[in-house]
Amino acid sequence: MRDFSRDHDWLSINTATLRKQHGGEVPLDRIVDQCAAHGIRAISPWRDQVAAVGIDRLAAQLKAHGIGLSGYCRGGFFPAPDAAGLRAALDDNRRAIDEAKMLDAACLVLVVGALPGALAGQAAYKDIARARAEVHDGIAASLEYARKVGMPLAIEPLHPMQAADRACVNTLEQALDICDALDPQKSGALGVALDVYHVWWDPKLRAQIARAGRERLLAFHVCDWLTPTRDLLNDRGMMGDGVIEIPKIRGWVEDAGYAGVSEVEIFSSADWWQRSGEETLAACIERHRSAV
């Protein structure tokens, strides 16, 4: 396993980690400058943040700082109650693919969606099998375009607590089944984004990581699971503060052939989003060396 203790060359920052500082929203251009000042050489931004500053402006800023994209957040949310909604989802994913390509991202991360309307509190239907079928078909259609432009798609399985509203793909095994069905040749066009927060509990995790192999492991996200947790969505912990055996999982991932960055993605309303960006980045660097 690689030694991260001496530097942070293999650290990436998902910009959700810094999007709020001292409790307030921070623009992406400022976040990029903060990362550059701390020697961070990879980030993964969110589409709404990019739209707010302008994609051309961001591309120029990243080039000036020598910062690349470990991923782009996010595509997905394929299920819809009707044909018009399904078409709109595919159109939006095509735009996401184009944006990721413009920024030269390593992959477009897919949070695939679940019961449409559930996030707003009113699901349009309750048939999760239908949602999973629509996810399959949506990825298949998006993959056809993504292949043409050369943008890998990374399915991110989410913890079962989010099966109703954010992602009906909840295990690495499910995600890999989709990959094998749509990309049996393991071309590199379709793989997975493995976030330890969502998969650490899975008794099949080690075997499925080995199954994924280098061709399918497109992104590796780290944070920690706090006990007790105050909020299942927005109370992620800094690495080393919770119960996830992060180094063990990284060892499995590297044994399977992954040699990319570890991307810190922390949603933390009550803790890290109340601190300065400088304090959070310093903690990310230290914990990447000691707890990842």
Protein backbone atom coordinates (compact mmCIF):
# COMPACT_ATOMS: atom_id res chain seq x y z
CA MET A 1 0.00 0.00 0.00
CA ARG A 2 1.25 3.48 -0.83
CA ASP A 3 2.75 5.60 1.93
CA PHE A 4 0.76 8.83 2.37
CA SER A 5 2.53 9.92 5.58
CA ARG A 6 5.14 12.21 4.02
CA ASP A 7 3.09 14.39 1.67
CA HIS A 8 -0.39 14.95 0.28
CA ASP A 9 0.33 14.39 -3.39
CA TRP A 10 -2.52 11.86 -3.59
CA LEU A 11 -5.12 14.02 -1.82
CA SER A 12 -8.12 15.48 -3.62
CA ILE A 13 -10.77 17.76 -2.13
CA ASN A 14 -14.41 17.37 -3.06
CA THR A 15 -15.56 20.97 -2.94
CA ALA A 16 -18.63 20.09 -0.87
CA THR A 17 -16.15 19.83 2.01
CA LEU A 18 -15.48 23.57 1.80
CA ARG A 19 -18.66 24.94 0.28
CA LYS A 20 -19.68 26.33 3.67
CA GLN A 21 -17.23 28.04 6.01
CA HIS A 22 -18.14 29.73 9.29
CA GLY A 23 -21.70 28.66 8.48
CA GLY A 24 -21.93 30.59 5.20
CA GLU A 25 -21.75 29.63 1.54
CA VAL A 26 -18.36 30.16 -0.12
CA PRO A 27 -17.95 30.58 -3.91
CA LEU A 28 -16.02 27.98 -5.82
CA ASP A 29 -13.33 30.36 -7.07
CA ARG A 30 -12.38 31.15 -3.48
CA ILE A 31 -12.32 27.44 -2.62
CA VAL A 32 -9.97 26.78 -5.55
CA ASP A 33 -7.63 29.52 -4.35
CA GLN A 34 -7.65 28.05 -0.83
CA CYS A 35 -6.82 24.59 -2.17
CA ALA A 36 -3.99 25.99 -4.29
CA ALA A 37 -2.56 27.83 -1.28
CA HIS A 38 -2.39 24.49 0.58
CA GLY A 39 -0.71 22.64 -2.28
CA ILE A 40 -3.80 20.68 -3.27
CA ARG A 41 -3.49 19.50 -6.87
CA ALA A 42 -6.88 17.85 -7.42
CA ILE A 43 -10.49 18.75 -6.65
CA SER A 44 -13.95 17.50 -7.52
CA PRO A 45 -16.45 20.36 -7.90
CA TRP A 46 -20.24 20.35 -7.98
CA ARG A 47 -22.22 21.53 -10.97
CA ASP A 48 -24.13 24.24 -9.14
CA GLN A 49 -20.87 25.68 -7.83
CA VAL A 50 -19.39 25.65 -11.33
CA ALA A 51 -22.46 27.34 -12.79
CA ALA A 52 -22.28 30.10 -10.19
CA VAL A 53 -18.74 31.14 -11.16
CA GLY A 54 -18.87 30.20 -14.85
CA ILE A 55 -17.25 27.18 -16.43
CA ASP A 56 -14.83 29.11 -18.65
CA ARG A 57 -13.63 31.20 -15.73
CA LEU A 58 -13.16 28.09 -13.60
CA ALA A 59 -11.25 26.28 -16.35
CA ALA A 60 -8.82 29.21 -16.63
CA GLN A 61 -8.38 29.37 -12.85
CA LEU A 62 -7.67 25.65 -12.58
CA LYS A 63 -5.12 25.86 -15.39
CA ALA A 64 -3.38 28.80 -13.72
CA HIS A 65 -3.08 26.87 -10.45
CA GLY A 66 -2.18 23.53 -12.06
CA ILE A 67 -5.18 21.82 -10.44
CA GLY A 68 -6.94 18.88 -12.09
CA LEU A 69 -10.32 17.24 -11.49
CA SER A 70 -10.47 13.82 -9.83
CA GLY A 71 -14.17 13.78 -10.67
CA TYR A 72 -17.19 15.94 -11.42
CA CYS A 73 -20.36 15.98 -9.30
CA ARG A 74 -22.74 14.96 -10.54
CA GLY A 75 -24.90 13.24 -13.12
CA GLY A 76 -27.68 10.74 -12.52
CA PHE A 77 -31.20 11.10 -11.11
CA PHE A 78 -32.57 9.13 -14.03
CA PRO A 79 -36.01 7.90 -12.79
CA ALA A 80 -39.06 10.01 -13.63
CA PRO A 81 -42.84 9.60 -13.53
CA ASP A 82 -43.33 10.04 -17.28
CA ALA A 83 -41.59 10.02 -20.65
CA ALA A 84 -40.97 13.76 -20.61
CA GLY A 85 -39.19 13.48 -17.27
CA LEU A 86 -37.04 10.60 -18.47
CA ARG A 87 -36.05 12.61 -21.54
CA ALA A 88 -35.24 15.67 -19.43
CA ALA A 89 -32.98 13.56 -17.22
CA LEU A 90 -31.08 12.27 -20.24
CA ASP A 91 -30.69 15.80 -21.59
CA ASP A 92 -29.35 17.01 -18.26
CA ASN A 93 -26.89 14.14 -18.09
CA ARG A 94 -25.65 14.97 -21.57
CA ARG A 95 -24.98 18.52 -20.36
CA ALA A 96 -23.16 17.14 -17.31
CA ILE A 97 -20.99 14.96 -19.56
CA ASP A 98 -20.14 17.97 -21.72
CA GLU A 99 -19.23 20.06 -18.66
CA ALA A 100 -17.04 17.29 -17.25
CA LYS A 101 -15.27 17.03 -20.61
CA MET A 102 -14.73 20.79 -20.80
CA LEU A 103 -13.04 20.66 -17.39
CA ASP A 104 -11.07 17.51 -18.27
CA ALA A 105 -12.47 15.58 -15.29
CA ALA A 106 -11.30 12.03 -14.63
CA CYS A 107 -14.93 10.88 -14.51
CA LEU A 108 -18.51 12.05 -14.10
CA VAL A 109 -19.92 10.70 -10.84
CA LEU A 110 -23.48 9.33 -11.09
CA VAL A 111 -25.85 9.55 -8.13
CA VAL A 112 -28.44 7.55 -9.97
CA GLY A 113 -31.69 8.66 -8.35
CA ALA A 114 -34.54 6.68 -6.84
CA LEU A 115 -38.28 7.25 -6.38
CA PRO A 116 -38.97 10.47 -8.29
CA GLY A 117 -40.33 13.21 -6.06
CA ALA A 118 -39.23 11.52 -2.85
CA LEU A 119 -36.59 14.18 -2.13
CA ALA A 120 -39.37 16.77 -2.09
CA GLY A 121 -41.47 14.59 0.20
CA GLN A 122 -43.94 13.14 -2.29
CA ALA A 123 -42.87 10.13 -4.34
CA ALA A 124 -44.57 9.92 -7.73
CA TYR A 125 -44.55 6.13 -7.43
CA LYS A 126 -43.34 3.49 -4.94
CA ASP A 127 -42.06 0.80 -7.29
CA ILE A 128 -38.32 0.66 -6.60
CA ALA A 129 -37.88 -2.08 -9.21
CA ARG A 130 -39.22 0.36 -11.79
CA ALA A 131 -36.77 3.00 -10.55
CA ARG A 132 -33.88 0.57 -10.89
CA ALA A 133 -34.95 -0.33 -14.42
CA GLU A 134 -35.08 3.36 -15.34
CA VAL A 135 -31.62 3.82 -13.85
CA HIS A 136 -30.30 0.95 -15.98
CA ASP A 137 -31.85 2.39 -19.13
CA GLY A 138 -30.70 5.93 -18.31
CA ILE A 139 -27.11 4.86 -17.79
CA ALA A 140 -27.21 2.82 -21.00
CA ALA A 141 -28.39 5.84 -22.98
CA SER A 142 -25.91 8.20 -21.33
CA LEU A 143 -23.05 5.77 -21.80
CA GLU A 144 -23.56 5.80 -25.54
CA TYR A 145 -22.95 9.56 -25.61
CA ALA A 146 -20.20 9.47 -22.97
CA ARG A 147 -18.25 6.98 -25.09
CA LYS A 148 -18.38 9.34 -28.06
CA VAL A 149 -16.88 12.25 -26.12
CA GLY A 150 -14.53 10.13 -24.00
CA MET A 151 -15.91 10.82 -20.53
CA PRO A 152 -15.96 7.83 -18.13
CA LEU A 153 -19.09 7.42 -15.99
CA ALA A 154 -18.71 6.36 -12.36
CA ILE A 155 -21.76 4.90 -10.58
CA GLU A 156 -21.71 5.77 -6.88
CA PRO A 157 -23.64 3.29 -4.72
CA LEU A 158 -25.24 5.10 -1.79
CA HIS A 159 -26.02 3.80 1.69
CA PRO A 160 -29.44 2.06 1.91
CA MET A 161 -30.72 4.95 4.06
CA GLN A 162 -30.91 6.91 0.79
CA ALA A 163 -32.56 4.20 -1.32
CA ALA A 164 -35.87 6.05 -1.52
CA ASP A 165 -34.75 9.55 -2.36
CA ARG A 166 -31.22 9.71 -3.81
CA ALA A 167 -30.02 6.36 -5.15
CA CYS A 168 -31.66 2.98 -5.57
CA VAL A 169 -28.23 1.46 -6.25
CA ASN A 170 -27.03 0.76 -2.71
CA THR A 171 -24.21 -1.78 -2.86
CA LEU A 172 -21.04 -2.11 -4.85
CA GLU A 173 -22.37 -5.42 -6.13
CA GLN A 174 -25.44 -3.74 -7.62
CA ALA A 175 -23.30 -1.07 -9.28
CA LEU A 176 -20.94 -3.67 -10.76
CA ASP A 177 -23.85 -5.73 -12.06
CA ILE A 178 -24.91 -2.68 -14.08
CA CYS A 179 -21.35 -2.15 -15.27
CA ASP A 180 -21.04 -5.76 -16.39
CA ALA A 181 -24.38 -5.65 -18.20
CA LEU A 182 -23.64 -2.41 -20.08
CA ASP A 183 -19.86 -2.62 -20.49
CA PRO A 184 -18.93 -6.31 -20.41
CA GLN A 185 -15.60 -5.67 -22.11
CA LYS A 186 -14.46 -3.45 -19.19
CA SER A 187 -13.51 -0.70 -21.59
CA GLY A 188 -12.92 1.95 -18.92
CA ALA A 189 -16.02 3.89 -20.02
CA LEU A 190 -18.13 2.75 -17.06
CA GLY A 191 -17.10 2.05 -13.50
CA VAL A 192 -17.75 3.00 -9.90
CA ALA A 193 -17.02 5.76 -7.42
CA LEU A 194 -16.39 4.06 -4.09
CA ASP A 195 -17.28 6.24 -1.10
CA VAL A 196 -16.37 4.60 2.21
CA TYR A 197 -19.22 6.42 3.98
CA HIS A 198 -21.74 4.54 1.88
CA VAL A 199 -20.19 1.07 1.63
CA TRP A 200 -18.06 0.45 4.75
CA TRP A 201 -20.76 -1.74 6.34
CA ASP A 202 -21.18 -4.15 3.39
CA PRO A 203 -20.11 -7.73 4.26
CA LYS A 204 -19.34 -8.33 0.57
CA LEU A 205 -17.20 -5.21 0.22
CA ARG A 206 -13.76 -6.81 -0.03
CA ALA A 207 -14.87 -9.39 -2.58
CA GLN A 208 -16.69 -6.81 -4.68
CA ILE A 209 -13.70 -4.47 -4.67
CA ALA A 210 -11.60 -7.33 -5.98
CA ARG A 211 -14.27 -8.01 -8.59
CA ALA A 212 -14.22 -4.36 -9.68
CA GLY A 213 -10.51 -4.33 -10.37
CA ARG A 214 -8.51 -1.51 -11.84
CA GLU A 215 -10.84 -1.11 -14.84
CA ARG A 216 -13.93 -0.35 -12.73
CA LEU A 217 -12.46 1.61 -9.79
CA LEU A 218 -12.66 5.17 -11.11
CA ALA A 219 -12.84 7.17 -7.86
CA PHE A 220 -12.23 6.65 -4.13
CA HIS A 221 -13.94 8.96 -1.61
CA VAL A 222 -13.08 9.17 2.09
CA CYS A 223 -14.57 10.59 5.28
CA ASP A 224 -15.77 8.86 8.47
CA TRP A 225 -18.97 7.56 10.08
CA LEU A 226 -19.55 9.16 13.47
CA THR A 227 -21.26 7.42 16.37
CA PRO A 228 -23.69 8.68 17.35
CA THR A 229 -24.44 10.56 14.18
CA ARG A 230 -26.57 13.69 14.47
CA ASP A 231 -27.71 13.74 10.85
CA LEU A 232 -27.44 10.88 8.37
CA LEU A 233 -26.80 13.22 5.44
CA ASN A 234 -24.87 16.16 6.87
CA ASP A 235 -22.84 14.80 9.80
CA ARG A 236 -19.92 13.07 8.13
CA GLY A 237 -16.73 12.93 10.14
CA MET A 238 -13.14 13.80 9.39
CA MET A 239 -11.09 10.69 8.70
CA GLY A 240 -10.04 9.06 11.98
CA ASP A 241 -12.91 10.50 14.02
CA GLY A 242 -15.35 7.63 13.40
CA VAL A 243 -15.64 3.88 13.02
CA ILE A 244 -14.66 3.22 9.38
CA GLU A 245 -11.46 1.20 8.87
CA ILE A 246 -10.32 3.50 6.09
CA PRO A 247 -6.73 2.20 5.70
CA LYS A 248 -8.02 -1.38 5.46
CA ILE A 249 -10.46 -0.42 2.70
CA ARG A 250 -7.80 1.59 0.87
CA GLY A 251 -5.58 -1.48 1.04
CA TRP A 252 -8.28 -3.56 -0.63
CA VAL A 253 -8.79 -0.88 -3.28
CA GLU A 254 -5.07 -0.64 -4.04
CA ASP A 255 -4.71 -4.42 -4.08
CA ALA A 256 -7.37 -4.38 -6.79
CA GLY A 257 -5.26 -2.02 -8.88
CA TYR A 258 -6.47 1.47 -7.97
CA ALA A 259 -3.63 4.00 -8.00
CA GLY A 260 -5.50 7.31 -7.97
CA VAL A 261 -6.24 9.97 -5.40
CA SER A 262 -8.22 9.78 -2.18
CA GLU A 263 -10.98 12.37 -2.44
CA VAL A 264 -12.18 13.90 0.84
CA GLU A 265 -15.94 14.50 0.74
CA ILE A 266 -17.42 15.77 4.01
CA PHE A 267 -20.92 17.17 4.58
CA SER A 268 -20.87 18.60 8.11
CA SER A 269 -23.48 21.18 9.09
CA ALA A 270 -22.70 21.19 12.81
CA ASP A 271 -18.91 20.91 12.69
CA TRP A 272 -16.61 21.38 9.69
CA TRP A 273 -18.92 23.75 7.83
CA GLN A 274 -18.77 25.99 10.90
CA ARG A 275 -14.98 26.30 10.67
CA SER A 276 -12.64 28.22 8.40
CA GLY A 277 -11.53 26.71 5.12
CA GLU A 278 -7.94 26.92 6.26
CA GLU A 279 -8.65 24.86 9.40
CA THR A 280 -10.61 22.25 7.43
CA LEU A 281 -7.92 21.93 4.77
CA ALA A 282 -5.18 21.59 7.37
CA ALA A 283 -7.18 18.78 9.01
CA CYS A 284 -7.76 17.07 5.65
CA ILE A 285 -4.03 17.11 4.93
CA GLU A 286 -3.04 15.82 8.37
CA ARG A 287 -5.66 13.07 8.42
CA HIS A 288 -4.89 12.03 4.86
CA ARG A 289 -1.36 11.35 6.11
CA SER A 290 -2.35 9.64 9.37
CA ALA A 291 -5.82 8.09 8.94
CA VAL A 292 -6.19 7.19 5.24
